[in-house]
C-alpha atoms as a PDB file:
ATOM      1  CA  MET A   1     -51.636 -49.297  -1.891  1.00  0.00           C
ATOM      2  CA  LEU A   2     -51.552 -53.000  -1.131  1.00  0.00           C
ATOM      3  CA  TYR A   3     -55.123 -53.298  -2.355  1.00  0.00           C
ATOM      4  CA  VAL A   4     -54.260 -51.650  -5.670  1.00  0.00           C
ATOM      5  CA  THR A   5     -51.288 -53.966  -6.132  1.00  0.00           C
ATOM      6  CA  ARG A   6     -53.429 -57.087  -5.484  1.00  0.00           C
ATOM      7  CA  LEU A   7     -56.096 -55.842  -7.857  1.00  0.00           C
ATOM      8  CA  PHE A   8     -53.481 -55.169 -10.513  1.00  0.00           C
ATOM      9  CA  LEU A   9     -51.866 -58.610 -10.155  1.00  0.00           C
ATOM     10  CA  THR A  10     -55.251 -60.377 -10.180  1.00  0.00           C
ATOM     11  CA  SER A  11     -56.409 -58.581 -13.321  1.00  0.00           C
ATOM     12  CA  LEU A  12     -53.066 -59.330 -14.933  1.00  0.00           C
ATOM     13  CA  PHE A  13     -53.465 -63.049 -14.134  1.00  0.00           C
ATOM     14  CA  ILE A  14     -57.024 -63.159 -15.514  1.00  0.00           C
ATOM     15  CA  ILE A  15     -56.011 -61.441 -18.707  1.00  0.00           C
ATOM     16  CA  SER A  16     -53.071 -63.751 -19.227  1.00  0.00           C
ATOM     17  CA  VAL A  17     -55.331 -66.819 -18.741  1.00  0.00           C
ATOM     18  CA  LYS A  18     -57.904 -65.424 -21.228  1.00  0.00           C
ATOM     19  CA  THR A  19     -55.101 -64.661 -23.685  1.00  0.00           C
ATOM     20  CA  VAL A  20     -53.800 -68.200 -23.486  1.00  0.00           C
ATOM     21  CA  ILE A  21     -57.284 -69.633 -23.960  1.00  0.00           C
ATOM     22  CA  ALA A  22     -58.082 -67.246 -26.820  1.00  0.00           C
ATOM     23  CA  SER A  23     -54.794 -67.963 -28.545  1.00  0.00           C
ATOM     24  CA  GLU A  24     -55.533 -71.694 -28.522  1.00  0.00           C
ATOM     25  CA  SER A  25     -58.985 -71.280 -30.048  1.00  0.00           C
ATOM     26  CA  LYS A  26     -58.292 -68.857 -32.869  1.00  0.00           C
ATOM     27  CA  THR A  27     -55.494 -68.243 -35.192  1.00  0.00           C
ATOM     28  CA  GLY A  28     -54.738 -65.049 -37.094  1.00  0.00           C
ATOM     29  CA  LEU A  29     -53.588 -61.499 -36.448  1.00  0.00           C
ATOM     30  CA  PRO A  30     -54.666 -60.270 -32.971  1.00  0.00           C
ATOM     31  CA  GLN A  31     -54.557 -56.632 -34.093  1.00  0.00           C
ATOM     32  CA  LEU A  32     -57.409 -57.246 -36.441  1.00  0.00           C
ATOM     33  CA  ASP A  33     -59.445 -59.340 -34.007  1.00  0.00           C
ATOM     34  CA  LEU A  34     -62.279 -57.187 -32.655  1.00  0.00           C
ATOM     35  CA  ASN A  35     -62.658 -59.354 -29.562  1.00  0.00           C
ATOM     36  CA  THR A  36     -59.319 -58.073 -28.198  1.00  0.00           C
ATOM     37  CA  TYR A  37     -60.202 -54.361 -28.514  1.00  0.00           C
ATOM     38  CA  PRO A  38     -62.031 -54.070 -25.169  1.00  0.00           C
ATOM     39  CA  SER A  39     -59.155 -55.642 -23.241  1.00  0.00           C
ATOM     40  CA  LEU A  40     -56.621 -53.456 -25.093  1.00  0.00           C
ATOM     41  CA  MET A  41     -58.632 -50.358 -24.248  1.00  0.00           C
ATOM     42  CA  PHE A  42     -58.973 -51.463 -20.618  1.00  0.00           C
ATOM     43  CA  TRP A  43     -55.220 -52.051 -20.227  1.00  0.00           C
ATOM     44  CA  SER A  44     -54.415 -48.879 -22.070  1.00  0.00           C
ATOM     45  CA  ILE A  45     -56.600 -46.900 -19.667  1.00  0.00           C
ATOM     46  CA  ILE A  46     -55.106 -48.739 -16.651  1.00  0.00           C
ATOM     47  CA  SER A  47     -51.574 -48.097 -17.963  1.00  0.00           C
ATOM     48  CA  LEU A  48     -52.345 -44.438 -18.524  1.00  0.00           C
ATOM     49  CA  ILE A  49     -53.878 -44.106 -15.041  1.00  0.00           C
ATOM     50  CA  ILE A  50     -50.877 -45.858 -13.442  1.00  0.00           C
ATOM     51  CA  GLY A  51     -48.490 -43.704 -15.499  1.00  0.00           C
ATOM     52  CA  PHE A  52     -50.393 -40.582 -14.496  1.00  0.00           C
ATOM     53  CA  ILE A  53     -50.304 -41.543 -10.805  1.00  0.00           C
ATOM     54  CA  LEU A  54     -46.581 -42.355 -10.990  1.00  0.00           C
ATOM     55  CA  MET A  55     -45.888 -39.083 -12.750  1.00  0.00           C
ATOM     56  CA  LYS A  56     -48.064 -37.038 -10.407  1.00  0.00           C
ATOM     57  CA  TYR A  57     -46.915 -38.472  -7.079  1.00  0.00           C
ATOM     58  CA  PHE A  58     -43.367 -39.647  -7.731  1.00  0.00           C
ATOM     59  CA  VAL A  59     -41.742 -38.017 -10.746  1.00  0.00           C
ATOM     60  CA  THR A  60     -43.288 -34.536 -10.805  1.00  0.00           C
ATOM     61  CA  PRO A  61     -42.725 -33.766  -7.090  1.00  0.00           C
ATOM     62  CA  ASN A  62     -39.080 -34.749  -7.485  1.00  0.00           C
ATOM     63  CA  ILE A  63     -38.778 -32.513 -10.539  1.00  0.00           C
ATOM     64  CA  LYS A  64     -40.498 -29.664  -8.667  1.00  0.00           C
ATOM     65  CA  SER A  65     -38.229 -30.082  -5.654  1.00  0.00           C
ATOM     66  CA  ILE A  66     -35.179 -30.187  -7.938  1.00  0.00           C
ATOM     67  CA  LEU A  67     -36.347 -27.061  -9.788  1.00  0.00           C
ATOM     68  CA  ASN A  68     -37.138 -25.302  -6.506  1.00  0.00           C
ATOM     69  CA  SER A  69     -33.760 -26.224  -5.037  1.00  0.00           C
ATOM     70  CA  ARG A  70     -32.054 -25.053  -8.226  1.00  0.00           C
ATOM     71  CA  GLU A  71     -33.967 -21.768  -8.109  1.00  0.00           C
ATOM     72  CA  THR A  72     -33.099 -21.368  -4.430  1.00  0.00           C
ATOM     73  CA  ASN A  73     -29.437 -22.119  -5.150  1.00  0.00           C
ATOM     74  CA  ILE A  74     -29.423 -19.650  -8.021  1.00  0.00           C
ATOM     75  CA  GLN A  75     -31.006 -16.951  -5.856  1.00  0.00           C
ATOM     76  CA  ASN A  76     -28.571 -17.676  -3.020  1.00  0.00           C
ATOM     77  CA  ASP A  77     -25.661 -17.572  -5.453  1.00  0.00           C
ATOM     78  CA  LEU A  78     -26.891 -14.240  -6.824  1.00  0.00           C
ATOM     79  CA  VAL A  79     -27.192 -12.820  -3.311  1.00  0.00           C
ATOM     80  CA  LYS A  80     -23.717 -14.139  -2.432  1.00  0.00           C
ATOM     81  CA  ALA A  81     -22.338 -12.673  -5.657  1.00  0.00           C
ATOM     82  CA  LYS A  82     -23.869  -9.265  -4.861  1.00  0.00           C
ATOM     83  CA  THR A  83     -22.527  -9.286  -1.303  1.00  0.00           C
ATOM     84  CA  SER A  84     -19.133 -10.466  -2.541  1.00  0.00           C
ATOM     85  CA  ASN A  85     -19.144  -7.720  -5.144  1.00  0.00           C
ATOM     86  CA  GLN A  86     -20.062  -5.134  -2.500  1.00  0.00           C
ATOM     87  CA  GLU A  87     -17.358  -6.443  -0.164  1.00  0.00           C
ATOM     88  CA  ALA A  88     -14.836  -6.388  -3.010  1.00  0.00           C
ATOM     89  CA  GLU A  89     -15.838  -2.799  -3.779  1.00  0.00           C
ATOM     90  CA  LYS A  90     -15.446  -1.843  -0.108  1.00  0.00           C
ATOM     91  CA  ILE A  91     -12.031  -3.532  -0.008  1.00  0.00           C
ATOM     92  CA  LYS A  92     -11.054  -1.762  -3.219  1.00  0.00           C
ATOM     93  CA  GLN A  93     -12.140   1.594  -1.768  1.00  0.00           C
ATOM     94  CA  SER A  94     -10.274   0.930   1.478  1.00  0.00           C
ATOM     95  CA  ILE A  95      -7.149  -0.074  -0.465  1.00  0.00           C
ATOM     96  CA  MET A  96      -7.380   3.071  -2.590  1.00  0.00           C
ATOM     97  CA  LYS A  97      -7.861   5.185   0.542  1.00  0.00           C
ATOM     98  CA  SER A  98      -4.920   3.528   2.276  1.00  0.00           C
ATOM     99  CA  GLN A  99      -2.787   4.056  -0.853  1.00  0.00           C
ATOM    100  CA  GLU A 100      -3.718   7.749  -0.844  1.00  0.00           C
ATOM    101  CA  ASP A 101      -2.958   7.960   2.885  1.00  0.00           C
ATOM    102  CA  ILE A 102       0.386   6.232   2.353  1.00  0.00           C
ATOM    103  CA  LYS A 103       1.173   8.544  -0.546  1.00  0.00           C
ATOM    104  CA  SER A 104       0.319  11.662   1.466  1.00  0.00           C
ATOM    105  CA  ASN A 105       2.256  10.360   4.476  1.00  0.00           C
ATOM    106  CA  SER A 106       5.276   9.583   2.309  1.00  0.00           C
ATOM    107  CA  GLN A 107       5.103  13.064   0.756  1.00  0.00           C
ATOM    108  CA  LYS A 108       4.872  14.537   4.249  1.00  0.00           C
ATOM    109  CA  ILE A 109       7.830  12.467   5.461  1.00  0.00           C
ATOM    110  CA  ILE A 110       9.868  13.435   2.389  1.00  0.00           C
ATOM    111  CA  SER A 111       9.105  17.131   2.829  1.00  0.00           C
ATOM    112  CA  GLU A 112       9.936  16.922   6.555  1.00  0.00           C
ATOM    113  CA  ALA A 113      13.206  15.128   5.748  1.00  0.00           C
ATOM    114  CA  ILE A 114      14.099  17.778   3.156  1.00  0.00           C
ATOM    115  CA  LEU A 115      13.274  20.551   5.637  1.00  0.00           C
ATOM    116  CA  GLU A 116      15.312  18.862   8.375  1.00  0.00           C
ATOM    117  CA  SER A 117      18.268  18.370   6.023  1.00  0.00           C
ATOM    118  CA  LYS A 118      18.087  22.037   4.940  1.00  0.00           C
ATOM    119  CA  GLN A 119      17.966  23.128   8.567  1.00  0.00           C
ATOM    120  CA  SER A 120      20.836  20.810   9.428  1.00  0.00           C
ATOM    121  CA  ILE A 121      22.882  22.121   6.492  1.00  0.00           C
ATOM    122  CA  GLU A 122      22.156  25.723   7.480  1.00  0.00           C
ATOM    123  CA  LYS A 123      23.073  24.961  11.086  1.00  0.00           C
ATOM    124  CA  LYS A 124      26.349  23.324  10.004  1.00  0.00           C
ATOM    125  CA  GLU A 125      27.086  26.267   7.692  1.00  0.00           C
ATOM    126  CA  LYS A 126      26.489  28.693  10.577  1.00  0.00           C
ATOM    127  CA  GLU A 127      28.696  26.627  12.865  1.00  0.00           C
ATOM    128  CA  ILE A 128      31.435  26.472  10.224  1.00  0.00           C
ATOM    129  CA  SER A 129      31.214  30.197   9.493  1.00  0.00           C
ATOM    130  CA  ALA A 130      31.239  30.939  13.238  1.00  0.00           C
ATOM    131  CA  LYS A 131      34.346  28.758  13.634  1.00  0.00           C
ATOM    132  CA  LEU A 132      35.947  30.427  10.610  1.00  0.00           C
ATOM    133  CA  GLU A 133      35.144  33.885  11.941  1.00  0.00           C
ATOM    134  CA  LEU A 134      36.539  32.887  15.315  1.00  0.00           C
ATOM    135  CA  LYS A 135      39.718  31.567  13.714  1.00  0.00           C
ATOM    136  CA  VAL A 136      39.977  34.655  11.491  1.00  0.00           C
ATOM    137  CA  SER A 137      39.512  36.949  14.485  1.00  0.00           C
ATOM    138  CA  GLU A 138      42.073  34.946  16.485  1.00  0.00           C
ATOM    139  CA  ALA A 139      44.454  35.098  13.528  1.00  0.00           C
ATOM    140  CA  GLN A 140      43.871  38.849  13.234  1.00  0.00           C
ATOM    141  CA  LYS A 141      44.519  39.244  16.951  1.00  0.00           C
ATOM    142  CA  LYS A 142      47.713  37.224  16.637  1.00  0.00           C
ATOM    143  CA  ILE A 143      48.763  39.266  13.621  1.00  0.00           C
ATOM    144  CA  ILE A 144      48.008  42.516  15.480  1.00  0.00           C
ATOM    145  CA  ASN A 145      49.806  41.233  18.579  1.00  0.00           C
ATOM    146  CA  THR A 146      52.739  40.105  16.487  1.00  0.00           C
ATOM    147  CA  GLN A 147      52.678  43.385  14.585  1.00  0.00           C
ATOM    148  CA  ASN A 148      52.576  45.345  17.842  1.00  0.00           C
ATOM    149  CA  THR A 149      55.365  43.233  19.272  1.00  0.00           C
ATOM    150  CA  VAL A 150      57.461  43.716  16.138  1.00  0.00           C
ATOM    151  CA  ILE A 151      56.715  47.446  16.131  1.00  0.00           C
ATOM    152  CA  ASN A 152      57.603  47.707  19.806  1.00  0.00           C
ATOM    153  CA  ASP A 153      60.769  45.714  19.166  1.00  0.00           C
ATOM    154  CA  VAL A 154      61.596  47.976  16.217  1.00  0.00           C
ATOM    155  CA  ILE A 155      60.892  51.075  18.295  1.00  0.00           C
ATOM    156  CA  ASN A 156      63.016  49.777  21.169  1.00  0.00           C
ATOM    157  CA  SER A 157      65.767  48.858  18.742  1.00  0.00           C
ATOM    158  CA  ALA A 158      65.463  52.265  17.113  1.00  0.00           C
ATOM    159  CA  GLU A 159      65.698  53.946  20.512  1.00  0.00           C
ATOM    160  CA  GLU A 160      68.787  51.984  21.433  1.00  0.00           C
ATOM    161  CA  MET A 161      70.393  52.585  18.058  1.00  0.00           C
ATOM    162  CA  THR A 162      69.613  56.286  18.213  1.00  0.00           C
ATOM    163  CA  VAL A 163      71.059  56.562  21.670  1.00  0.00           C
ATOM    164  CA  ASN A 164      74.159  54.621  20.589  1.00  0.00           C
ATOM    165  CA  VAL A 165      74.582  56.648  17.372  1.00  0.00           C
ATOM    166  CA  VAL A 166      74.192  59.941  19.182  1.00  0.00           C
ATOM    167  CA  LYS A 167      76.689  58.811  21.849  1.00  0.00           C
ATOM    168  CA  LYS A 168      79.291  57.645  19.368  1.00  0.00           C
ATOM    169  CA  PHE A 169      79.129  60.406  16.805  1.00  0.00           C
ATOM    170  CA  THR A 170      78.240  63.428  18.884  1.00  0.00           C
ATOM    171  CA  ASP A 171      78.944  64.854  22.264  1.00  0.00           C
ATOM    172  CA  ILE A 172      75.432  66.123  22.738  1.00  0.00           C
ATOM    173  CA  LYS A 173      73.892  65.502  26.036  1.00  0.00           C
ATOM    174  CA  PHE A 174      70.345  64.263  25.761  1.00  0.00           C
ATOM    175  CA  ASP A 175      67.598  62.805  27.854  1.00  0.00           C
ATOM    176  CA  LYS A 176      66.725  59.207  27.030  1.00  0.00           C
ATOM    177  CA  ASN A 177      63.062  59.811  27.768  1.00  0.00           C
ATOM    178  CA  LYS A 178      62.882  62.648  25.220  1.00  0.00           C
ATOM    179  CA  VAL A 179      64.560  60.449  22.623  1.00  0.00           C
ATOM    180  CA  LYS A 180      62.027  57.711  23.316  1.00  0.00           C
ATOM    181  CA  GLU A 181      59.137  60.165  23.007  1.00  0.00           C
ATOM    182  CA  ALA A 182      60.496  61.511  19.727  1.00  0.00           C
ATOM    183  CA  ILE A 183      60.903  58.015  18.277  1.00  0.00           C
ATOM    184  CA  LYS A 184      57.415  57.014  19.432  1.00  0.00           C
ATOM    185  CA  LEU A 185      55.934  60.152  17.871  1.00  0.00           C
ATOM    186  CA  ALA A 186      57.751  59.474  14.607  1.00  0.00           C
ATOM    187  CA  SER A 187      56.675  55.842  14.564  1.00  0.00           C
ATOM    188  CA  LYS A 188      53.028  56.859  15.200  1.00  0.00           C
ATOM    189  CA  ASN A 189      53.171  59.260  12.271  1.00  0.00           C
ATOM    190  CA  ILE A 190      54.638  56.502  10.070  1.00  0.00           C
ATOM    191  CA  LEU A 191      52.037  53.970  11.187  1.00  0.00           C
ATOM    192  CA  MET A 192      49.181  56.454  10.606  1.00  0.00           C
ATOM    193  CA  GLU A 193      50.282  57.027   7.072  1.00  0.00           C
ATOM    194  CA  LYS A 194      49.757  53.378   6.293  1.00  0.00           C
END
């Protein structure tokens, strides 16, 4: 590379010296001077060769590496996009599945709660009706006991009144036990009629 640079600088110096000498000797348009054509062709070829070498070894490899890196980045981005899309789809499916599970679990919980509340209501109704039946039966027992007590009191009062009436208004001798039996028999007949 150093050799090429020295050669290039030397040829540039020689050409500039010849140009200065030629410009002092002749006057006129250099484009139309046929003596300058060989040097123009030489420098054009050298410039093209140098441009070609620069393009081939410096510019084009950089462009290729840039294009390759861009292509690699694009491919990597496409792969990442596909994997991200697949992951997003998996997440979406898992979310939908969990929503369905939550929905079915909530329906199950609601139905269990409704069943439990129905059972609880039925249990409370049974307890209340059992308590009511117990109270009704107790009340009936009290009524029957009270009724029996009242009837017994009435019968006893009737016995005493009958004995007193018979003693006051008649001189008939009677047996208290027979009077009691007669009153009890009469009261049973009256109670059976009801």
